[in-house]
Amino acid sequence: MEPGHWPSEHSDALCDYFLKGMSYAAIAMEINARFGMAYTRNAVAGRAKRLGLVALARMTSPPIVPPLPGEACLPSPCRPALPSLNLPPKSAMKPAARVKLRCVDVQPRLIPLLELARGDCRYPYGGDKDGEEITFCGHPRQPGSSYCAPHAGLTRLSGAASAGVVGPVVLRLVSAG
């Protein structure tokens, strides 16, 4: 027998014992006694995982927290068995909503990086496609910013997002003495 190959009878026995709620160690002992094998607890756990039994147990296991007194214990909803374990959720199959991009009414000069002057706006354009050159706006930038006024407005956080922003963080070096 090749390492890692389980005959179907052994896998079927594993499924039966697993569904009875036996531990991996107990399953290994039962299969070893029944078929004259020497499977370890870890071998049984690995095979159960490859068969999808571990995921199935998570989906159908009762909740960990017991119900409160006087509260009805509802059975867990039935879920489909193994064939659908690898399918993405239905919400992932829906097309994503189109994102509305913010833009400004500026005609960029499209200057390459090496030709940018010290006071030029560094707002990038291009580079979206393979091999496409990245150029920059190039209009005069605002004092204290890397961008011209319209692009500086684009790069700032919106009002809702900036509500928690206090200001720049100042770091100090201290000696570990």
Protein backbone atom coordinates (compact mmCIF):
# COMPACT_ATOMS: atom_id res chain seq x y z
CA MET A 1 0.00 0.00 0.00
CA GLU A 2 1.31 3.47 -0.95
CA PRO A 3 1.72 6.05 1.79
CA GLY A 4 -1.25 8.39 1.83
CA HIS A 5 -3.52 6.01 -0.11
CA TRP A 6 -6.58 4.86 1.75
CA PRO A 7 -8.75 2.06 0.34
CA SER A 8 -12.40 2.99 0.01
CA GLU A 9 -13.41 0.56 2.78
CA HIS A 10 -11.12 2.37 5.21
CA SER A 11 -12.46 5.79 4.15
CA ASP A 12 -16.04 4.55 4.49
CA ALA A 13 -15.30 3.25 7.99
CA LEU A 14 -13.72 6.60 8.87
CA CYS A 15 -16.86 8.42 7.71
CA ASP A 16 -19.11 6.09 9.72
CA TYR A 17 -17.07 6.45 12.91
CA PHE A 18 -16.71 10.21 12.43
CA LEU A 19 -20.46 10.68 12.03
CA LYS A 20 -20.96 8.69 15.24
CA GLY A 21 -18.94 11.38 17.02
CA MET A 22 -15.85 9.31 17.81
CA SER A 23 -12.49 10.99 18.42
CA TYR A 24 -9.68 10.65 15.89
CA ALA A 25 -7.70 8.45 18.27
CA ALA A 26 -10.69 6.13 18.79
CA ILE A 27 -11.34 6.01 15.04
CA ALA A 28 -7.69 5.08 14.42
CA MET A 29 -7.89 2.26 16.99
CA GLU A 30 -11.14 0.91 15.49
CA ILE A 31 -9.89 1.00 11.88
CA ASN A 32 -6.55 -0.56 12.88
CA ALA A 33 -8.31 -3.39 14.74
CA ARG A 34 -10.87 -3.96 11.98
CA PHE A 35 -8.47 -3.92 9.00
CA GLY A 36 -5.12 -4.83 10.64
CA MET A 37 -3.58 -1.45 9.85
CA ALA A 38 -1.39 0.99 11.76
CA TYR A 39 -3.02 4.37 11.12
CA THR A 40 -2.13 7.13 13.58
CA ARG A 41 -4.50 9.64 15.06
CA ASN A 42 -2.94 12.33 12.84
CA ALA A 43 -3.38 10.18 9.72
CA VAL A 44 -7.08 9.82 10.53
CA ALA A 45 -7.42 13.57 11.18
CA GLY A 46 -5.70 14.39 7.87
CA ARG A 47 -7.86 11.97 5.91
CA ALA A 48 -11.03 13.35 7.56
CA LYS A 49 -9.98 16.84 6.53
CA ARG A 50 -9.29 15.76 2.92
CA LEU A 51 -12.68 14.05 2.78
CA GLY A 52 -14.35 17.27 3.95
CA LEU A 53 -15.70 15.77 7.14
CA VAL A 54 -14.15 18.47 9.33
CA ALA A 55 -15.91 21.25 7.40
CA LEU A 56 -19.14 19.25 7.42
CA ALA A 57 -18.91 18.86 11.20
CA ARG A 58 -18.42 22.61 11.63
CA MET A 59 -21.50 23.37 9.55
CA THR A 60 -23.80 20.92 11.33
CA SER A 61 -22.42 21.02 14.88
CA PRO A 62 -24.65 22.46 17.58
CA PRO A 63 -23.76 25.86 19.04
CA ILE A 64 -21.16 25.88 21.80
CA VAL A 65 -23.21 28.09 24.12
CA PRO A 66 -26.11 26.19 25.68
CA PRO A 67 -29.55 27.80 25.45
CA LEU A 68 -30.78 29.82 28.41
CA PRO A 69 -33.37 28.22 30.71
CA GLY A 70 -36.81 28.51 29.19
CA GLU A 71 -35.36 29.12 25.73
CA ALA A 72 -36.18 26.59 23.06
CA CYS A 73 -33.22 24.77 21.53
CA LEU A 74 -33.70 25.03 17.78
CA PRO A 75 -32.05 22.40 15.61
CA SER A 76 -29.36 23.67 13.30
CA PRO A 77 -30.58 24.13 9.73
CA CYS A 78 -29.70 21.35 7.34
CA ARG A 79 -27.05 22.26 4.86
CA PRO A 80 -26.11 20.43 1.71
CA ALA A 81 -23.44 17.77 2.09
CA LEU A 82 -19.95 17.58 0.61
CA PRO A 83 -20.44 18.55 -3.09
CA SER A 84 -21.06 22.23 -2.33
CA LEU A 85 -18.25 22.76 0.17
CA ASN A 86 -15.93 24.43 -2.34
CA LEU A 87 -18.50 26.78 -3.89
CA PRO A 88 -18.27 30.49 -3.11
CA PRO A 89 -21.27 32.11 -1.45
CA LYS A 90 -24.00 33.39 -3.76
CA SER A 91 -23.21 36.98 -2.78
CA ALA A 92 -19.74 36.55 -4.31
CA MET A 93 -21.27 35.63 -7.66
CA LYS A 94 -23.12 38.94 -8.09
CA PRO A 95 -21.40 41.59 -10.21
CA ALA A 96 -19.87 44.37 -8.15
CA ALA A 97 -21.48 47.80 -8.20
CA ARG A 98 -19.71 50.35 -10.35
CA VAL A 99 -17.60 52.77 -8.40
CA LYS A 100 -18.04 56.45 -9.13
CA LEU A 101 -14.59 57.98 -9.37
CA ARG A 102 -13.91 61.47 -8.13
CA CYS A 103 -12.26 63.71 -10.68
CA VAL A 104 -11.31 67.33 -11.19
CA ASP A 105 -11.58 69.66 -14.14
CA VAL A 106 -7.85 70.04 -14.79
CA GLN A 107 -6.07 69.46 -18.07
CA PRO A 108 -2.83 67.76 -16.90
CA ARG A 109 0.45 68.57 -18.60
CA LEU A 110 1.44 64.85 -18.48
CA ILE A 111 5.09 65.38 -17.60
CA PRO A 112 7.41 62.34 -17.20
CA LEU A 113 9.02 61.88 -13.77
CA LEU A 114 12.50 62.90 -14.88
CA GLU A 115 11.23 66.21 -16.30
CA LEU A 116 9.24 67.31 -13.21
CA ALA A 117 10.41 70.60 -11.72
CA ARG A 118 10.59 71.25 -7.99
CA GLY A 119 7.22 73.08 -7.83
CA ASP A 120 5.21 70.80 -10.18
CA CYS A 121 2.14 68.80 -9.10
CA ARG A 122 3.00 65.13 -8.56
CA TYR A 123 -0.49 63.72 -9.15
CA PRO A 124 0.06 60.56 -11.30
CA TYR A 125 -1.67 59.66 -14.55
CA GLY A 126 -1.45 56.41 -16.50
CA GLY A 127 0.36 53.18 -15.66
CA ASP A 128 -2.94 51.28 -15.55
CA LYS A 129 -2.05 49.05 -18.50
CA ASP A 130 1.11 46.98 -18.90
CA GLY A 131 3.89 49.09 -20.35
CA GLU A 132 1.92 52.35 -20.10
CA GLU A 133 4.11 55.25 -19.02
CA ILE A 134 3.27 57.06 -15.78
CA THR A 135 3.16 60.81 -16.16
CA PHE A 136 2.28 63.59 -13.73
CA CYS A 137 -0.05 66.61 -13.68
CA GLY A 138 2.76 69.19 -13.67
CA HIS A 139 0.69 72.29 -12.75
CA PRO A 140 2.09 74.56 -9.99
CA ARG A 141 1.54 72.90 -6.63
CA GLN A 142 0.14 74.42 -3.44
CA PRO A 143 2.55 75.44 -0.69
CA GLY A 144 3.02 72.55 1.76
CA SER A 145 1.55 70.00 -0.63
CA SER A 146 2.78 67.74 -3.42
CA TYR A 147 -0.27 68.59 -5.52
CA CYS A 148 -1.97 71.51 -7.24
CA ALA A 149 -5.15 72.84 -5.57
CA PRO A 150 -7.65 70.61 -7.45
CA HIS A 151 -5.61 67.44 -6.92
CA ALA A 152 -4.94 68.29 -3.27
CA GLY A 153 -8.73 68.31 -2.79
CA LEU A 154 -8.94 64.83 -4.31
CA THR A 155 -6.28 63.38 -2.05
CA ARG A 156 -7.78 64.64 1.20
CA LEU A 157 -10.12 62.38 3.14
CA SER A 158 -13.85 63.06 2.87
CA GLY A 159 -15.61 64.66 5.85
CA ALA A 160 -16.92 61.36 7.27
CA ALA A 161 -13.57 59.62 6.91
CA SER A 162 -11.54 62.49 8.31
CA ALA A 163 -13.70 62.92 11.44
CA GLY A 164 -11.35 60.69 13.46
CA VAL A 165 -8.17 62.28 12.05
CA VAL A 166 -6.66 64.75 14.51
CA GLY A 167 -3.54 65.84 12.68
CA PRO A 168 -0.02 64.77 11.93
CA VAL A 169 1.67 62.43 14.38
CA VAL A 170 4.97 63.65 15.81
CA LEU A 171 7.47 60.96 16.75
CA ARG A 172 10.29 61.56 19.22
CA LEU A 173 13.43 59.56 19.79
CA VAL A 174 14.04 58.68 23.41
CA SER A 175 16.98 56.92 24.96
CA ALA A 176 16.42 53.49 26.43
CA GLY A 177 18.35 54.07 29.60
